[in-house]
Amino acid sequence: MCCSDVRAEVDDEDTAMMSIIRSDDWAVMLDENGQDIGSEQMAELVGDAGNTGASRLSFCIGGPYGHGRQLRERANISINFSTLVSNHQIALLVLMEQLLDLVINWLQQGSLMV
């Protein structure tokens, strides 16, 4: 893919992502250069997000060429699940597993009311 095509794809994805994120969302960008976090830090991040006044917690997974400028500037935090670079489908799988594990733990502890 040509450089201009890659840049156009990133810009298009960036515009699409920004149209979905609300101004009062807590935006978490998954990025290979983000802050390394494990399961405990992920639980803290999700738990603390409720204290921000945000209406939603939005996880942003980039396409194969990464995130665009607008999202990088908008994101409240940038995180990384692994030092290994994963494609966006694997990142989504890891994110879903982490969130499912959090919910199961909270339900077992009685910390989450359904």
Protein backbone atom coordinates (compact mmCIF):
# COMPACT_ATOMS: atom_id res chain seq x y z
CA MET A 1 0.00 0.00 0.00
CA CYS A 2 1.30 3.43 -0.94
CA CYS A 3 2.16 5.97 1.80
CA SER A 4 -0.64 8.31 0.75
CA ASP A 5 -3.11 5.39 0.81
CA VAL A 6 -2.00 4.43 4.33
CA ARG A 7 -2.29 8.02 5.53
CA ALA A 8 -5.75 8.30 3.95
CA GLU A 9 -6.86 5.05 5.63
CA VAL A 10 -5.62 6.23 9.03
CA ASP A 11 -7.32 9.61 8.54
CA ASP A 12 -10.59 7.95 7.52
CA GLU A 13 -10.51 5.63 10.55
CA ASP A 14 -9.63 8.60 12.77
CA THR A 15 -12.60 10.60 11.50
CA ALA A 16 -14.93 7.60 11.94
CA MET A 17 -13.69 6.98 15.50
CA MET A 18 -14.07 10.63 16.44
CA SER A 19 -17.67 10.61 15.18
CA ILE A 20 -18.47 7.79 17.63
CA ILE A 21 -16.72 9.15 20.73
CA ARG A 22 -18.85 11.58 22.72
CA SER A 23 -17.39 14.66 24.35
CA ASP A 24 -18.12 13.26 27.82
CA ASP A 25 -16.65 9.78 27.16
CA TRP A 26 -13.55 8.54 28.96
CA ALA A 27 -11.52 7.46 25.90
CA VAL A 28 -8.98 4.68 26.39
CA MET A 29 -6.68 4.24 23.39
CA LEU A 30 -5.06 0.82 22.96
CA ASP A 31 -1.69 1.55 21.43
CA GLU A 32 1.65 -0.23 21.16
CA ASN A 33 3.32 2.84 22.71
CA GLY A 34 0.79 3.17 25.53
CA GLN A 35 1.34 2.60 29.23
CA ASP A 36 1.96 -1.10 29.96
CA ILE A 37 -0.81 -2.45 32.17
CA GLY A 38 -1.75 -5.83 33.58
CA SER A 39 -5.03 -7.23 34.85
CA GLU A 40 -4.88 -5.37 38.18
CA GLN A 41 -4.20 -2.02 36.53
CA MET A 42 -6.99 -2.72 34.05
CA ALA A 43 -9.40 -3.31 36.94
CA GLU A 44 -8.29 -0.04 38.54
CA LEU A 45 -8.68 1.84 35.25
CA VAL A 46 -12.23 0.54 34.74
CA GLY A 47 -13.14 1.12 38.38
CA ASP A 48 -11.69 4.63 38.45
CA ALA A 49 -13.35 5.60 35.16
CA GLY A 50 -16.65 5.91 37.04
CA ASN A 51 -15.12 8.69 39.14
CA THR A 52 -14.28 10.85 36.14
CA GLY A 53 -17.80 12.07 35.49
CA ALA A 54 -17.72 10.40 32.08
CA SER A 55 -20.94 8.96 30.73
CA ARG A 56 -19.21 6.06 28.97
CA LEU A 57 -15.91 4.25 28.87
CA SER A 58 -14.81 3.97 25.23
CA PHE A 59 -11.97 1.63 24.27
CA CYS A 60 -10.37 2.61 20.98
CA ILE A 61 -8.54 -0.05 18.98
CA GLY A 62 -6.74 1.17 15.91
CA GLY A 63 -6.53 -0.42 12.52
CA PRO A 64 -3.43 -2.05 11.07
CA TYR A 65 -1.62 1.29 10.70
CA GLY A 66 -2.41 2.69 14.13
CA HIS A 67 -4.37 5.69 15.36
CA GLY A 68 -4.76 9.10 13.81
CA ARG A 69 -3.84 12.50 15.21
CA GLN A 70 -7.35 13.44 16.42
CA LEU A 71 -7.75 10.34 18.58
CA ARG A 72 -4.21 10.61 19.95
CA GLU A 73 -5.04 14.15 21.10
CA ARG A 74 -8.52 13.21 22.39
CA ALA A 75 -7.67 10.03 24.32
CA ASN A 76 -7.74 10.36 28.10
CA ILE A 77 -5.23 7.53 28.47
CA SER A 78 -3.20 5.30 26.19
CA ILE A 79 -2.62 1.71 27.30
CA ASN A 80 -0.76 -1.35 26.06
CA PHE A 81 -1.63 -4.93 27.04
CA SER A 82 1.66 -6.40 25.87
CA THR A 83 5.07 -5.51 24.57
CA LEU A 84 4.18 -7.71 21.61
CA VAL A 85 2.58 -5.81 18.75
CA SER A 86 -0.81 -7.38 18.05
CA ASN A 87 -3.18 -6.86 15.20
CA HIS A 88 -6.43 -5.11 16.02
CA GLN A 89 -8.49 -8.33 16.05
CA ILE A 90 -6.21 -9.89 18.71
CA ALA A 91 -6.29 -6.64 20.72
CA LEU A 92 -10.10 -6.79 20.72
CA LEU A 93 -10.00 -10.40 21.94
CA VAL A 94 -7.59 -9.52 24.77
CA LEU A 95 -9.72 -6.53 25.76
CA MET A 96 -12.91 -8.61 25.84
CA GLU A 97 -11.21 -11.30 27.94
CA GLN A 98 -9.97 -8.70 30.42
CA LEU A 99 -13.40 -7.09 30.74
CA LEU A 100 -15.14 -10.46 31.11
CA ASP A 101 -12.69 -11.45 33.84
CA LEU A 102 -13.37 -8.16 35.66
CA VAL A 103 -17.13 -8.64 35.54
CA ILE A 104 -16.89 -12.25 36.75
CA ASN A 105 -14.65 -11.21 39.65
CA TRP A 106 -16.95 -8.34 40.60
CA LEU A 107 -20.00 -10.61 40.49
CA GLN A 108 -18.26 -13.21 42.67
CA GLN A 109 -17.29 -10.54 45.18
CA GLY A 110 -20.75 -8.98 45.15
CA SER A 111 -19.23 -5.68 43.98
CA LEU A 112 -21.36 -5.49 40.84
CA MET A 113 -25.11 -5.42 40.94
CA VAL A 114 -26.86 -6.69 37.84
